[in-house]
Amino acid sequence: MKRVAGFMSVALIAIAPVVMAKAVDNRAIVADFVDRFYMKRDVAGAFAAHVGPDYIQHNPGLPDGTKAAVEALGPMFARPGSRFEVKHLLIDGDLALVHLFGQGNPDTPGAAVADLYRLKDGKVVEHWDVLQPIAAGTDPLAMAPVAVDDKEDTTGNRRAFTKFIDRLFGKGDVEGAYTQFVAPNLIQHNSRMGQGRDSAVSAIKGLRSAPGASFTVQHILVDGNFAAVHYRGKLSADDRGAAVVEIFRFDKGMIVEHWDMFQPVPENARNAHPMF
């Protein structure tokens, strides 16, 4: 009996961490946060349920902490006529990206917005965003029709996107990256670029050829057939640069659709780590 009791004690100790540990489902957490925050516009409730007390803020117009975010966003989300329409949601490990149309003031044309969140232990603990006002006559949030039976392949697309980013940002080989991983008939939602792969290559090569230009990747996400890169782009050594988020849609291992948003880095900010 002593041997049995001893064995049972060891077994219980061994499995105790497994029994006590509660798996964190970031996808479910983010889905509920998005529903409360953007859909129901319950800013205070969304933050109370899902945002950690030591919330790090990279929006240059806000200080750190949940209190400042709720006080700034609550009235804007509650304003009559305001609109917040989620277009894409990517969740990759402890990172989540919400791509949306945001119109806090109905008297403005609104903005294409990318909200990027980092989670830790089931709580949102850090936030970056990129807001690009929508120019008249453009629709940067449009989406091409996608087949209902479109197959998703996170693993394969992650391999392809990692190689694409390495070739484009690491090696600076714009033409090689686009030729290998982007379909010739690329659907482009950036109004400053023409449709198709060749137009994108020409425009990007022009930007990257500027003396002192640099492009520093901050985050990469892949979720199903969608992938995104968040980076700091500078067109000269003295340029403060801009925060940029690019979103790509894959189909059968090739990039077939593209959205992007950029926001210049301001001279002053209300927190010590603006934008990045």
Protein backbone atom coordinates (compact mmCIF):
# COMPACT_ATOMS: atom_id res chain seq x y z
CA MET A 1 0.00 0.00 0.00
CA LYS A 2 2.87 2.38 0.76
CA ARG A 3 4.30 1.74 -2.71
CA VAL A 4 0.89 2.40 -4.29
CA ALA A 5 0.34 5.54 -2.23
CA GLY A 6 3.81 6.78 -3.08
CA PHE A 7 3.26 6.11 -6.77
CA MET A 8 -0.07 7.93 -6.71
CA SER A 9 1.50 10.95 -4.99
CA VAL A 10 4.24 11.19 -7.61
CA ALA A 11 1.72 10.77 -10.41
CA LEU A 12 -0.52 13.50 -9.03
CA ILE A 13 2.43 15.87 -8.64
CA ALA A 14 3.51 15.12 -12.20
CA ILE A 15 0.13 15.85 -13.74
CA ALA A 16 -0.81 18.73 -11.45
CA PRO A 17 0.67 21.47 -13.68
CA VAL A 18 -1.22 20.05 -16.66
CA VAL A 19 -4.50 19.92 -14.76
CA MET A 20 -4.07 23.37 -13.24
CA ALA A 21 -2.83 25.11 -16.37
CA LYS A 22 -5.62 26.66 -18.39
CA ALA A 23 -5.02 26.83 -22.12
CA VAL A 24 -5.25 30.35 -23.52
CA ASP A 25 -7.32 30.59 -26.71
CA ASN A 26 -6.16 33.85 -28.26
CA ARG A 27 -8.48 33.40 -31.23
CA ALA A 28 -11.56 33.25 -29.00
CA ILE A 29 -10.29 36.13 -26.85
CA VAL A 30 -9.63 38.37 -29.84
CA ALA A 31 -12.96 37.44 -31.46
CA ASP A 32 -14.81 38.52 -28.31
CA PHE A 33 -12.74 41.70 -27.99
CA VAL A 34 -13.46 42.60 -31.63
CA ASP A 35 -17.18 41.91 -31.19
CA ARG A 36 -17.43 44.06 -28.05
CA PHE A 37 -15.14 46.83 -29.24
CA TYR A 38 -15.86 47.33 -32.95
CA MET A 39 -19.28 45.74 -33.40
CA LYS A 40 -21.10 46.61 -30.16
CA ARG A 41 -18.92 49.69 -29.55
CA ASP A 42 -18.68 48.83 -25.86
CA VAL A 43 -15.24 50.33 -25.45
CA ALA A 44 -15.17 50.26 -21.65
CA GLY A 45 -16.52 46.70 -21.53
CA ALA A 46 -14.08 45.41 -24.16
CA PHE A 47 -11.11 46.92 -22.34
CA ALA A 48 -12.30 45.76 -18.91
CA ALA A 49 -12.67 42.19 -20.16
CA HIS A 50 -9.62 41.81 -22.35
CA VAL A 51 -6.96 44.52 -21.88
CA GLY A 52 -4.21 44.29 -19.28
CA PRO A 53 -3.57 47.06 -16.73
CA ASP A 54 -0.08 47.83 -18.09
CA TYR A 55 -1.31 48.50 -21.63
CA ILE A 56 1.51 49.82 -23.85
CA GLN A 57 0.29 52.34 -26.39
CA HIS A 58 2.08 53.18 -29.65
CA ASN A 59 -0.53 55.56 -31.03
CA PRO A 60 1.34 58.89 -30.79
CA GLY A 61 -1.81 60.73 -29.78
CA LEU A 62 -2.36 58.75 -26.59
CA PRO A 63 -0.38 58.03 -23.42
CA ASP A 64 0.06 54.49 -22.12
CA GLY A 65 -2.64 52.74 -20.13
CA THR A 66 -6.22 51.62 -20.54
CA LYS A 67 -7.75 54.71 -18.93
CA ALA A 68 -6.45 57.06 -21.61
CA ALA A 69 -7.59 54.75 -24.42
CA VAL A 70 -11.11 54.32 -23.04
CA GLU A 71 -11.50 58.05 -22.37
CA ALA A 72 -10.43 58.91 -25.93
CA LEU A 73 -12.18 56.13 -27.83
CA GLY A 74 -15.41 55.80 -25.85
CA PRO A 75 -16.97 59.10 -26.95
CA MET A 76 -15.76 58.65 -30.55
CA PHE A 77 -17.28 55.17 -30.85
CA ALA A 78 -20.52 56.39 -29.27
CA ARG A 79 -20.87 59.38 -31.60
CA PRO A 80 -24.04 59.20 -33.75
CA GLY A 81 -23.19 58.39 -37.37
CA SER A 82 -19.75 56.96 -36.63
CA ARG A 83 -18.86 53.70 -38.42
CA PHE A 84 -16.36 50.93 -37.71
CA GLU A 85 -16.44 48.05 -40.18
CA VAL A 86 -13.98 45.17 -39.80
CA LYS A 87 -12.70 43.87 -43.15
CA HIS A 88 -10.03 41.37 -42.12
CA LEU A 89 -8.95 39.76 -38.86
CA LEU A 90 -5.62 37.95 -38.66
CA ILE A 91 -4.56 36.06 -35.53
CA ASP A 92 -1.09 34.57 -35.36
CA GLY A 93 0.14 33.34 -31.99
CA ASP A 94 0.19 36.30 -29.60
CA LEU A 95 -0.43 38.88 -32.35
CA ALA A 96 -3.73 40.02 -33.85
CA LEU A 97 -4.37 42.43 -36.71
CA VAL A 98 -7.72 44.12 -37.31
CA HIS A 99 -8.11 45.76 -40.73
CA LEU A 100 -11.09 48.09 -40.80
CA PHE A 101 -12.86 51.13 -42.09
CA GLY A 102 -12.99 53.71 -39.32
CA GLN A 103 -15.09 56.86 -39.34
CA GLY A 104 -15.14 58.41 -35.90
CA ASN A 105 -16.47 61.68 -37.31
CA PRO A 106 -19.26 61.27 -39.89
CA ASP A 107 -18.29 64.62 -41.42
CA THR A 108 -15.01 63.11 -42.66
CA PRO A 109 -14.46 60.42 -45.33
CA GLY A 110 -13.01 58.06 -42.72
CA ALA A 111 -9.80 56.10 -42.80
CA ALA A 112 -8.35 52.73 -43.65
CA VAL A 113 -7.08 51.43 -40.30
CA ALA A 114 -4.83 48.63 -39.14
CA ASP A 115 -4.96 47.94 -35.40
CA LEU A 116 -2.23 45.56 -34.26
CA TYR A 117 -2.44 43.98 -30.80
CA ARG A 118 -0.06 41.83 -28.75
CA LEU A 119 -1.48 39.44 -26.18
CA LYS A 120 0.14 37.94 -23.12
CA ASP A 121 -1.48 35.40 -20.79
CA GLY A 122 -4.85 35.99 -22.42
CA LYS A 123 -4.80 39.79 -22.18
CA VAL A 124 -4.11 42.51 -24.74
CA VAL A 125 -0.96 44.23 -23.47
CA GLU A 126 0.29 46.31 -26.41
CA HIS A 127 -1.18 48.21 -29.36
CA TRP A 128 0.08 49.73 -32.59
CA ASP A 129 -2.03 51.32 -35.29
CA VAL A 130 -1.75 52.81 -38.76
CA LEU A 131 -4.46 55.22 -39.95
CA GLN A 132 -4.63 56.42 -43.54
CA PRO A 133 -7.36 58.94 -44.43
CA ILE A 134 -9.36 57.80 -47.45
CA ALA A 135 -8.80 60.06 -50.44
CA ALA A 136 -11.81 61.11 -52.50
CA GLY A 137 -12.58 58.71 -55.32
CA THR A 138 -10.59 55.81 -53.87
CA ASP A 139 -11.65 52.60 -52.14
CA PRO A 140 -8.57 51.16 -50.39
CA LEU A 141 -10.72 48.69 -48.45
CA ALA A 142 -12.43 47.08 -51.42
CA MET A 143 -12.23 43.29 -51.72
CA ALA A 144 -12.27 41.03 -54.73
CA PRO A 145 -14.80 38.17 -54.73
CA VAL A 146 -13.29 35.00 -53.25
CA ALA A 147 -14.54 31.50 -54.02
CA VAL A 148 -16.49 29.90 -51.19
CA ASP A 149 -14.42 26.72 -51.43
CA ASP A 150 -11.16 28.65 -51.30
CA LYS A 151 -8.76 26.41 -49.32
CA GLU A 152 -6.71 27.93 -46.52
CA ASP A 153 -3.11 26.88 -45.90
CA THR A 154 -1.46 28.72 -43.03
CA THR A 155 1.60 26.45 -42.96
CA GLY A 156 2.35 26.65 -46.67
CA ASN A 157 1.59 30.35 -46.88
CA ARG A 158 3.83 31.02 -43.88
CA ARG A 159 6.74 29.35 -45.66
CA ALA A 160 6.10 31.34 -48.82
CA PHE A 161 5.54 34.65 -47.01
CA THR A 162 8.68 34.26 -44.89
CA LYS A 163 10.73 33.77 -48.04
CA PHE A 164 8.96 36.66 -49.74
CA ILE A 165 9.69 39.03 -46.84
CA ASP A 166 13.29 37.89 -46.60
CA ARG A 167 13.86 38.45 -50.30
CA LEU A 168 12.01 41.78 -50.39
CA PHE A 169 13.14 43.36 -47.10
CA GLY A 170 16.27 41.39 -46.25
CA LYS A 171 17.89 41.19 -49.67
CA GLY A 172 16.12 44.15 -51.28
CA ASP A 173 15.32 42.05 -54.35
CA VAL A 174 11.97 43.57 -55.33
CA GLU A 175 11.70 42.02 -58.77
CA GLY A 176 12.83 38.59 -57.61
CA ALA A 177 10.43 38.54 -54.64
CA TYR A 178 7.46 39.60 -56.73
CA THR A 179 8.26 37.33 -59.65
CA GLN A 180 8.54 34.28 -57.40
CA PHE A 181 5.62 34.88 -55.04
CA VAL A 182 3.14 37.31 -56.66
CA ALA A 183 0.68 36.47 -59.42
CA PRO A 184 0.99 38.52 -62.65
CA ASN A 185 -2.65 39.69 -62.34
CA LEU A 186 -2.24 41.02 -58.78
CA ILE A 187 -5.37 42.83 -57.56
CA GLN A 188 -4.14 46.13 -56.18
CA HIS A 189 -6.09 48.32 -53.72
CA ASN A 190 -3.41 51.02 -53.45
CA SER A 191 -4.72 53.84 -55.65
CA ARG A 192 -1.18 55.10 -56.26
CA MET A 193 -0.23 51.89 -58.05
CA GLY A 194 -1.67 50.38 -61.20
CA GLN A 195 -3.11 46.90 -61.34
CA GLY A 196 -0.90 43.86 -61.80
CA ARG A 197 2.49 42.67 -60.60
CA ASP A 198 4.58 44.74 -63.01
CA SER A 199 3.05 48.01 -61.85
CA ALA A 200 3.75 47.12 -58.22
CA VAL A 201 7.36 46.21 -58.97
CA SER A 202 7.94 49.46 -60.82
CA ALA A 203 6.44 51.59 -58.04
CA ILE A 204 8.27 49.79 -55.22
CA LYS A 205 11.63 49.88 -57.00
CA GLY A 206 11.19 53.62 -57.43
CA LEU A 207 10.61 54.13 -53.70
CA ARG A 208 13.49 51.90 -52.66
CA SER A 209 15.94 53.56 -55.01
CA ALA A 210 15.85 56.85 -53.07
CA PRO A 211 19.20 57.62 -51.36
CA GLY A 212 19.07 56.67 -47.69
CA ALA A 213 15.81 54.77 -48.02
CA SER A 214 15.29 52.01 -45.44
CA PHE A 215 12.51 49.59 -44.58
CA THR A 216 12.61 47.85 -41.20
CA VAL A 217 10.21 45.01 -40.46
CA GLN A 218 8.53 45.09 -37.04
CA HIS A 219 5.96 42.27 -37.18
CA ILE A 220 4.78 39.52 -39.53
CA LEU A 221 1.48 37.64 -39.28
CA VAL A 222 0.08 34.75 -41.31
CA ASP A 223 -3.43 33.40 -40.82
CA GLY A 224 -4.97 31.10 -43.40
CA ASN A 225 -4.77 32.74 -46.81
CA PHE A 226 -3.91 36.16 -45.41
CA ALA A 227 -0.55 37.56 -44.38
CA ALA A 228 0.58 40.96 -43.16
CA VAL A 229 3.80 42.84 -42.53
CA HIS A 230 4.18 45.87 -40.25
CA TYR A 231 7.27 47.99 -40.87
CA ARG A 232 8.91 51.39 -40.65
CA GLY A 233 9.65 52.94 -44.02
CA LYS A 234 12.04 55.84 -44.55
CA LEU A 235 12.78 57.49 -47.89
CA SER A 236 15.91 59.26 -46.64
CA ALA A 237 18.29 59.06 -43.71
CA ASP A 238 16.85 62.25 -42.20
CA ASP A 239 13.23 61.25 -42.75
CA ARG A 240 11.22 60.38 -39.61
CA GLY A 241 9.53 57.83 -41.82
CA ALA A 242 6.11 56.25 -41.70
CA ALA A 243 4.44 53.27 -40.10
CA VAL A 244 3.20 50.90 -42.79
CA VAL A 245 1.02 47.81 -42.77
CA GLU A 246 0.63 45.72 -45.92
CA ILE A 247 -1.90 42.89 -46.15
CA PHE A 248 -1.72 40.15 -48.78
CA ARG A 249 -4.12 37.42 -49.84
CA PHE A 250 -2.77 34.10 -51.07
CA ASP A 251 -4.39 31.71 -53.51
CA LYS A 252 -2.75 28.38 -54.33
CA GLY A 253 0.57 29.54 -52.88
CA MET A 254 0.75 32.87 -54.74
CA ILE A 255 -0.08 36.40 -53.59
CA VAL A 256 -3.10 37.57 -55.58
CA GLU A 257 -4.42 40.63 -53.71
CA HIS A 258 -2.88 43.52 -51.76
CA TRP A 259 -3.96 46.30 -49.39
CA ASP A 260 -1.77 48.80 -47.55
CA MET A 261 -1.93 51.71 -45.13
CA PHE A 262 0.74 54.20 -44.10
CA GLN A 263 0.93 56.97 -41.52
CA PRO A 264 3.81 59.46 -41.21
CA VAL A 265 5.64 59.44 -37.88
CA PRO A 266 4.85 62.75 -36.13
CA GLU A 267 7.41 65.05 -34.59
CA ASN A 268 5.85 64.82 -31.13
CA ALA A 269 4.00 62.10 -29.26
CA ARG A 270 2.24 61.58 -25.95
CA ASN A 271 4.13 58.40 -25.11
CA ALA A 272 7.80 57.45 -25.09
CA HIS A 273 7.60 54.83 -27.85
CA PRO A 274 5.39 56.23 -30.62
CA MET A 275 4.51 54.11 -33.65
CA PHE A 276 7.11 51.39 -33.03
